[in-house]
Amino acid sequence: VCNGLLLRADLHTLFDLGLIAVHEKRCTVIVKASLRGSSYAKLAGKRIRLPRAVSQFPNAQALRRHRQGARL
């Protein structure tokens, strides 16, 4: 569970393509500049909803590696 995010299909695709990411410390959405004029721009800076149990939080290292790989 610690290396998973529940995303709707379109957001999952954007995440896989490196067009969006989640900041590992602030737990906020980062949107690539190429999406800033799209309907996805409103997600920038939004905080993700975390599980109640800390043990089920997304893995911070995995989120950081993804964000760095996406160059966001």
PDB file of N, CA and C in Angstrom:
ATOM      1  N   VAL A   1       0.821  -1.191   0.000  1.00  0.00           N
ATOM      2  CA  VAL A   1       0.000   0.000   0.000  1.00  0.00           C
ATOM      3  C   VAL A   1       0.862   1.252   0.000  1.00  0.00           C
ATOM      4  N   CYS A   2       2.060   1.196   0.575  1.00  0.00           N
ATOM      5  CA  CYS A   2       2.863   2.414   0.735  1.00  0.00           C
ATOM      6  C   CYS A   2       3.414   2.954  -0.582  1.00  0.00           C
ATOM      7  N   ASN A   3       3.304   2.205  -1.654  1.00  0.00           N
ATOM      8  CA  ASN A   3       3.815   2.693  -2.933  1.00  0.00           C
ATOM      9  C   ASN A   3       2.685   2.821  -3.942  1.00  0.00           C
ATOM     10  N   GLY A   4       1.519   3.217  -3.470  1.00  0.00           N
ATOM     11  CA  GLY A   4       0.397   3.351  -4.377  1.00  0.00           C
ATOM     12  C   GLY A   4      -0.375   4.629  -4.164  1.00  0.00           C
ATOM     13  N   LEU A   5      -0.943   5.118  -5.244  1.00  0.00           N
ATOM     14  CA  LEU A   5      -1.836   6.272  -5.201  1.00  0.00           C
ATOM     15  C   LEU A   5      -3.100   5.874  -5.943  1.00  0.00           C
ATOM     16  N   LEU A   6      -4.232   6.205  -5.380  1.00  0.00           N
ATOM     17  CA  LEU A   6      -5.492   5.945  -6.054  1.00  0.00           C
ATOM     18  C   LEU A   6      -5.819   7.162  -6.905  1.00  0.00           C
ATOM     19  N   LEU A   7      -5.742   6.997  -8.207  1.00  0.00           N
ATOM     20  CA  LEU A   7      -5.980   8.087  -9.148  1.00  0.00           C
ATOM     21  C   LEU A   7      -7.008   7.657 -10.173  1.00  0.00           C
ATOM     22  N   ARG A   8      -7.823   8.590 -10.628  1.00  0.00           N
ATOM     23  CA  ARG A   8      -8.723   8.251 -11.728  1.00  0.00           C
ATOM     24  C   ARG A   8      -7.872   8.053 -12.986  1.00  0.00           C
ATOM     25  N   ALA A   9      -8.441   7.425 -13.989  1.00  0.00           N
ATOM     26  CA  ALA A   9      -7.682   6.976 -15.158  1.00  0.00           C
ATOM     27  C   ALA A   9      -6.901   8.089 -15.853  1.00  0.00           C
ATOM     28  N   ASP A  10      -7.510   9.241 -16.066  1.00  0.00           N
ATOM     29  CA  ASP A  10      -6.805  10.312 -16.775  1.00  0.00           C
ATOM     30  C   ASP A  10      -5.624  10.843 -15.964  1.00  0.00           C
ATOM     31  N   LEU A  11      -5.799  10.960 -14.649  1.00  0.00           N
ATOM     32  CA  LEU A  11      -4.713  11.433 -13.798  1.00  0.00           C
ATOM     33  C   LEU A  11      -3.604  10.389 -13.687  1.00  0.00           C
ATOM     34  N   HIS A  12      -3.992   9.128 -13.689  1.00  0.00           N
ATOM     35  CA  HIS A  12      -3.001   8.049 -13.666  1.00  0.00           C
ATOM     36  C   HIS A  12      -2.116   8.119 -14.914  1.00  0.00           C
ATOM     37  N   THR A  13      -2.729   8.361 -16.052  1.00  0.00           N
ATOM     38  CA  THR A  13      -1.975   8.493 -17.300  1.00  0.00           C
ATOM     39  C   THR A  13      -1.026   9.683 -17.236  1.00  0.00           C
ATOM     40  N   LEU A  14      -1.504  10.821 -16.772  1.00  0.00           N
ATOM     41  CA  LEU A  14      -0.651  12.006 -16.643  1.00  0.00           C
ATOM     42  C   LEU A  14       0.496  11.750 -15.670  1.00  0.00           C
ATOM     43  N   PHE A  15       0.221  11.043 -14.581  1.00  0.00           N
ATOM     44  CA  PHE A  15       1.254  10.696 -13.608  1.00  0.00           C
ATOM     45  C   PHE A  15       2.302   9.804 -14.261  1.00  0.00           C
ATOM     46  N   ASP A  16       1.847   8.766 -14.969  1.00  0.00           N
ATOM     47  CA  ASP A  16       2.776   7.853 -15.649  1.00  0.00           C
ATOM     48  C   ASP A  16       3.613   8.566 -16.708  1.00  0.00           C
ATOM     49  N   LEU A  17       3.041   9.561 -17.365  1.00  0.00           N
ATOM     50  CA  LEU A  17       3.764  10.315 -18.397  1.00  0.00           C
ATOM     51  C   LEU A  17       4.671  11.401 -17.801  1.00  0.00           C
ATOM     52  N   GLY A  18       4.625  11.569 -16.490  1.00  0.00           N
ATOM     53  CA  GLY A  18       5.459  12.576 -15.843  1.00  0.00           C
ATOM     54  C   GLY A  18       4.943  13.991 -16.010  1.00  0.00           C
ATOM     55  N   LEU A  19       3.649  14.126 -16.287  1.00  0.00           N
ATOM     56  CA  LEU A  19       3.064  15.451 -16.461  1.00  0.00           C
ATOM     57  C   LEU A  19       2.496  16.013 -15.164  1.00  0.00           C
ATOM     58  N   ILE A  20       2.247  15.144 -14.201  1.00  0.00           N
ATOM     59  CA  ILE A  20       1.887  15.577 -12.856  1.00  0.00           C
ATOM     60  C   ILE A  20       2.690  14.732 -11.870  1.00  0.00           C
ATOM     61  N   ALA A  21       2.866  15.274 -10.693  1.00  0.00           N
ATOM     62  CA  ALA A  21       3.568  14.569  -9.624  1.00  0.00           C
ATOM     63  C   ALA A  21       3.000  15.048  -8.296  1.00  0.00           C
ATOM     64  N   VAL A  22       3.444  14.400  -7.224  1.00  0.00           N
ATOM     65  CA  VAL A  22       3.047  14.793  -5.882  1.00  0.00           C
ATOM     66  C   VAL A  22       4.311  15.138  -5.105  1.00  0.00           C
ATOM     67  N   HIS A  23       4.341  16.326  -4.512  1.00  0.00           N
ATOM     68  CA  HIS A  23       5.494  16.709  -3.709  1.00  0.00           C
ATOM     69  C   HIS A  23       5.506  15.847  -2.455  1.00  0.00           C
ATOM     70  N   GLU A  24       6.622  15.211  -2.199  1.00  0.00           N
ATOM     71  CA  GLU A  24       6.712  14.220  -1.126  1.00  0.00           C
ATOM     72  C   GLU A  24       6.593  14.788   0.289  1.00  0.00           C
ATOM     73  N   LYS A  25       6.902  16.041   0.494  1.00  0.00           N
ATOM     74  CA  LYS A  25       6.809  16.626   1.837  1.00  0.00           C
ATOM     75  C   LYS A  25       5.507  17.388   2.033  1.00  0.00           C
ATOM     76  N   ARG A  26       5.112  18.165   1.037  1.00  0.00           N
ATOM     77  CA  ARG A  26       3.890  18.973   1.169  1.00  0.00           C
ATOM     78  C   ARG A  26       2.633  18.199   0.772  1.00  0.00           C
ATOM     79  N   CYS A  27       2.822  17.073   0.079  1.00  0.00           N
ATOM     80  CA  CYS A  27       1.698  16.253  -0.405  1.00  0.00           C
ATOM     81  C   CYS A  27       0.765  17.071  -1.286  1.00  0.00           C
ATOM     82  N   THR A  28       1.362  17.915  -2.120  1.00  0.00           N
ATOM     83  CA  THR A  28       0.590  18.733  -3.055  1.00  0.00           C
ATOM     84  C   THR A  28       0.893  18.310  -4.486  1.00  0.00           C
ATOM     85  N   VAL A  29      -0.053  18.565  -5.349  1.00  0.00           N
ATOM     86  CA  VAL A  29       0.077  18.198  -6.757  1.00  0.00           C
ATOM     87  C   VAL A  29       0.929  19.236  -7.482  1.00  0.00           C
ATOM     88  N   ILE A  30       1.823  18.742  -8.308  1.00  0.00           N
ATOM     89  CA  ILE A  30       2.649  19.583  -9.167  1.00  0.00           C
ATOM     90  C   ILE A  30       2.229  19.293 -10.596  1.00  0.00           C
ATOM     91  N   VAL A  31       1.999  20.330 -11.365  1.00  0.00           N
ATOM     92  CA  VAL A  31       1.553  20.191 -12.753  1.00  0.00           C
ATOM     93  C   VAL A  31       2.636  20.754 -13.673  1.00  0.00           C
ATOM     94  N   LYS A  32       3.012  19.981 -14.663  1.00  0.00           N
ATOM     95  CA  LYS A  32       4.029  20.427 -15.618  1.00  0.00           C
ATOM     96  C   LYS A  32       3.536  21.670 -16.375  1.00  0.00           C
ATOM     97  N   ALA A  33       4.449  22.526 -16.721  1.00  0.00           N
ATOM     98  CA  ALA A  33       4.115  23.792 -17.386  1.00  0.00           C
ATOM     99  C   ALA A  33       3.292  23.578 -18.656  1.00  0.00           C
ATOM    100  N   SER A  34       3.524  22.489 -19.353  1.00  0.00           N
ATOM    101  CA  SER A  34       2.792  22.241 -20.605  1.00  0.00           C
ATOM    102  C   SER A  34       1.296  22.016 -20.380  1.00  0.00           C
ATOM    103  N   LEU A  35       0.884  21.761 -19.149  1.00  0.00           N
ATOM    104  CA  LEU A  35      -0.539  21.569 -18.833  1.00  0.00           C
ATOM    105  C   LEU A  35      -1.175  22.803 -18.206  1.00  0.00           C
ATOM    106  N   ARG A  36      -0.431  23.856 -18.026  1.00  0.00           N
ATOM    107  CA  ARG A  36      -0.925  25.037 -17.310  1.00  0.00           C
ATOM    108  C   ARG A  36      -2.137  25.688 -17.980  1.00  0.00           C
ATOM    109  N   GLY A  37      -2.298  25.567 -19.272  1.00  0.00           N
ATOM    110  CA  GLY A  37      -3.456  26.149 -19.945  1.00  0.00           C
ATOM    111  C   GLY A  37      -4.631  25.195 -20.049  1.00  0.00           C
ATOM    112  N   SER A  38      -4.506  24.025 -19.461  1.00  0.00           N
ATOM    113  CA  SER A  38      -5.550  23.007 -19.572  1.00  0.00           C
ATOM    114  C   SER A  38      -6.436  22.991 -18.330  1.00  0.00           C
ATOM    115  N   SER A  39      -7.428  22.143 -18.355  1.00  0.00           N
ATOM    116  CA  SER A  39      -8.314  22.001 -17.192  1.00  0.00           C
ATOM    117  C   SER A  39      -7.582  21.376 -15.998  1.00  0.00           C
ATOM    118  N   TYR A  40      -6.425  20.780 -16.229  1.00  0.00           N
ATOM    119  CA  TYR A  40      -5.646  20.175 -15.146  1.00  0.00           C
ATOM    120  C   TYR A  40      -4.860  21.209 -14.350  1.00  0.00           C
ATOM    121  N   ALA A  41      -4.758  22.421 -14.847  1.00  0.00           N
ATOM    122  CA  ALA A  41      -4.000  23.474 -14.165  1.00  0.00           C
ATOM    123  C   ALA A  41      -4.550  23.747 -12.766  1.00  0.00           C
ATOM    124  N   LYS A  42      -5.852  23.570 -12.588  1.00  0.00           N
ATOM    125  CA  LYS A  42      -6.461  23.847 -11.285  1.00  0.00           C
ATOM    126  C   LYS A  42      -6.002  22.876 -10.199  1.00  0.00           C
ATOM    127  N   LEU A  43      -5.364  21.786 -10.590  1.00  0.00           N
ATOM    128  CA  LEU A  43      -4.865  20.821  -9.608  1.00  0.00           C
ATOM    129  C   LEU A  43      -3.559  21.271  -8.958  1.00  0.00           C
ATOM    130  N   ALA A  44      -2.854  22.170  -9.599  1.00  0.00           N
ATOM    131  CA  ALA A  44      -1.551  22.620  -9.094  1.00  0.00           C
ATOM    132  C   ALA A  44      -1.688  23.178  -7.676  1.00  0.00           C
ATOM    133  N   GLY A  45      -0.898  22.652  -6.784  1.00  0.00           N
ATOM    134  CA  GLY A  45      -0.897  23.113  -5.402  1.00  0.00           C
ATOM    135  C   GLY A  45      -1.952  22.491  -4.508  1.00  0.00           C
ATOM    136  N   LYS A  46      -2.857  21.709  -5.091  1.00  0.00           N
ATOM    137  CA  LYS A  46      -3.891  21.056  -4.275  1.00  0.00           C
ATOM    138  C   LYS A  46      -3.249  19.951  -3.442  1.00  0.00           C
ATOM    139  N   ARG A  47      -3.673  19.872  -2.204  1.00  0.00           N
ATOM    140  CA  ARG A  47      -3.164  18.840  -1.307  1.00  0.00           C
ATOM    141  C   ARG A  47      -3.927  17.536  -1.546  1.00  0.00           C
ATOM    142  N   ILE A  48      -3.193  16.424  -1.607  1.00  0.00           N
ATOM    143  CA  ILE A  48      -3.857  15.136  -1.782  1.00  0.00           C
ATOM    144  C   ILE A  48      -4.460  14.694  -0.453  1.00  0.00           C
ATOM    145  N   ARG A  49      -5.467  13.882  -0.538  1.00  0.00           N
ATOM    146  CA  ARG A  49      -6.097  13.334   0.666  1.00  0.00           C
ATOM    147  C   ARG A  49      -5.313  12.100   1.083  1.00  0.00           C
ATOM    148  N   LEU A  50      -4.851  12.090   2.316  1.00  0.00           N
ATOM    149  CA  LEU A  50      -4.045  10.990   2.826  1.00  0.00           C
ATOM    150  C   LEU A  50      -4.905  10.021   3.630  1.00  0.00           C
ATOM    151  N   PRO A  51      -4.510   8.747   3.674  1.00  0.00           N
ATOM    152  CA  PRO A  51      -5.233   7.788   4.508  1.00  0.00           C
ATOM    153  C   PRO A  51      -5.139   8.173   5.985  1.00  0.00           C
ATOM    154  N   ARG A  52      -6.033   7.673   6.782  1.00  0.00           N
ATOM    155  CA  ARG A  52      -5.996   7.952   8.217  1.00  0.00           C
ATOM    156  C   ARG A  52      -4.763   7.349   8.877  1.00  0.00           C
ATOM    157  N   ALA A  53      -4.420   6.153   8.463  1.00  0.00           N
ATOM    158  CA  ALA A  53      -3.277   5.446   9.059  1.00  0.00           C
ATOM    159  C   ALA A  53      -1.976   5.909   8.403  1.00  0.00           C
ATOM    160  N   VAL A  54      -1.057   6.399   9.213  1.00  0.00           N
ATOM    161  CA  VAL A  54       0.236   6.863   8.708  1.00  0.00           C
ATOM    162  C   VAL A  54       0.967   5.733   7.985  1.00  0.00           C
ATOM    163  N   SER A  55       0.756   4.508   8.431  1.00  0.00           N
ATOM    164  CA  SER A  55       1.417   3.359   7.803  1.00  0.00           C
ATOM    165  C   SER A  55       0.973   3.148   6.356  1.00  0.00           C
ATOM    166  N   GLN A  56      -0.123   3.783   5.952  1.00  0.00           N
ATOM    167  CA  GLN A  56      -0.635   3.648   4.596  1.00  0.00           C
ATOM    168  C   GLN A  56      -0.349   4.870   3.727  1.00  0.00           C
ATOM    169  N   PHE A  57       0.422   5.825   4.244  1.00  0.00           N
ATOM    170  CA  PHE A  57       0.798   7.009   3.460  1.00  0.00           C
ATOM    171  C   PHE A  57       1.650   6.579   2.265  1.00  0.00           C
ATOM    172  N   PRO A  58       1.604   7.330   1.168  1.00  0.00           N
ATOM    173  CA  PRO A  58       2.481   7.033   0.029  1.00  0.00           C
ATOM    174  C   PRO A  58       3.947   7.145   0.464  1.00  0.00           C
ATOM    175  N   ASN A  59       4.774   6.341  -0.151  1.00  0.00           N
ATOM    176  CA  ASN A  59       6.200   6.332   0.154  1.00  0.00           C
ATOM    177  C   ASN A  59       6.843   7.623  -0.352  1.00  0.00           C
ATOM    178  N   ALA A  60       7.403   8.404   0.575  1.00  0.00           N
ATOM    179  CA  ALA A  60       7.982   9.707   0.230  1.00  0.00           C
ATOM    180  C   ALA A  60       9.142   9.572  -0.743  1.00  0.00           C
ATOM    181  N   GLN A  61       9.960   8.557  -0.571  1.00  0.00           N
ATOM    182  CA  GLN A  61      11.106   8.366  -1.478  1.00  0.00           C
ATOM    183  C   GLN A  61      10.634   8.065  -2.897  1.00  0.00           C
ATOM    184  N   ALA A  62       9.589   7.248  -3.015  1.00  0.00           N
ATOM    185  CA  ALA A  62       9.059   6.924  -4.345  1.00  0.00           C
ATOM    186  C   ALA A  62       8.467   8.168  -5.011  1.00  0.00           C
ATOM    187  N   LEU A  63       7.762   8.989  -4.229  1.00  0.00           N
ATOM    188  CA  LEU A  63       7.200  10.225  -4.782  1.00  0.00           C
ATOM    189  C   LEU A  63       8.311  11.167  -5.221  1.00  0.00           C
ATOM    190  N   ARG A  64       9.376  11.265  -4.433  1.00  0.00           N
ATOM    191  CA  ARG A  64      10.503  12.140  -4.792  1.00  0.00           C
ATOM    192  C   ARG A  64      11.187  11.647  -6.064  1.00  0.00           C
ATOM    193  N   ARG A  65      11.427  10.337  -6.157  1.00  0.00           N
ATOM    194  CA  ARG A  65      12.065   9.785  -7.375  1.00  0.00           C
ATOM    195  C   ARG A  65      11.203  10.050  -8.603  1.00  0.00           C
ATOM    196  N   HIS A  66       9.892   9.874  -8.464  1.00  0.00           N
ATOM    197  CA  HIS A  66       8.995  10.130  -9.590  1.00  0.00           C
ATOM    198  C   HIS A  66       9.052  11.598 -10.000  1.00  0.00           C
ATOM    199  N   ARG A  67       8.989  12.502  -9.010  1.00  0.00           N
ATOM    200  CA  ARG A  67       9.013  13.949  -9.294  1.00  0.00           C
ATOM    201  C   ARG A  67      10.327  14.345  -9.946  1.00  0.00           C
ATOM    202  N   GLN A  68      11.422  13.825  -9.460  1.00  0.00           N
ATOM    203  CA  GLN A  68      12.720  14.155 -10.036  1.00  0.00           C
ATOM    204  C   GLN A  68      12.857  13.582 -11.447  1.00  0.00           C
ATOM    205  N   GLY A  69      12.344  12.375 -11.655  1.00  0.00           N
ATOM    206  CA  GLY A  69      12.384  11.775 -12.989  1.00  0.00           C
ATOM    207  C   GLY A  69      11.541  12.525 -13.996  1.00  0.00           C
ATOM    208  N   ALA A  70      10.457  13.106 -13.513  1.00  0.00           N
ATOM    209  CA  ALA A  70       9.562  13.883 -14.368  1.00  0.00           C
ATOM    210  C   ALA A  70      10.077  15.313 -14.550  1.00  0.00           C
ATOM    211  N   ARG A  71      11.103  15.666 -13.776  1.00  0.00           N
ATOM    212  CA  ARG A  71      11.683  17.010 -13.804  1.00  0.00           C
ATOM    213  C   ARG A  71      10.659  18.080 -13.488  1.00  0.00           C
ATOM    214  N   LEU A  72       9.917  17.831 -12.411  1.00  0.00           N
ATOM    215  CA  LEU A  72       8.918  18.793 -11.944  1.00  0.00           C
ATOM    216  C   LEU A  72       9.379  19.438 -10.666  1.00  0.00           C
TER     217      LEU A  72
END
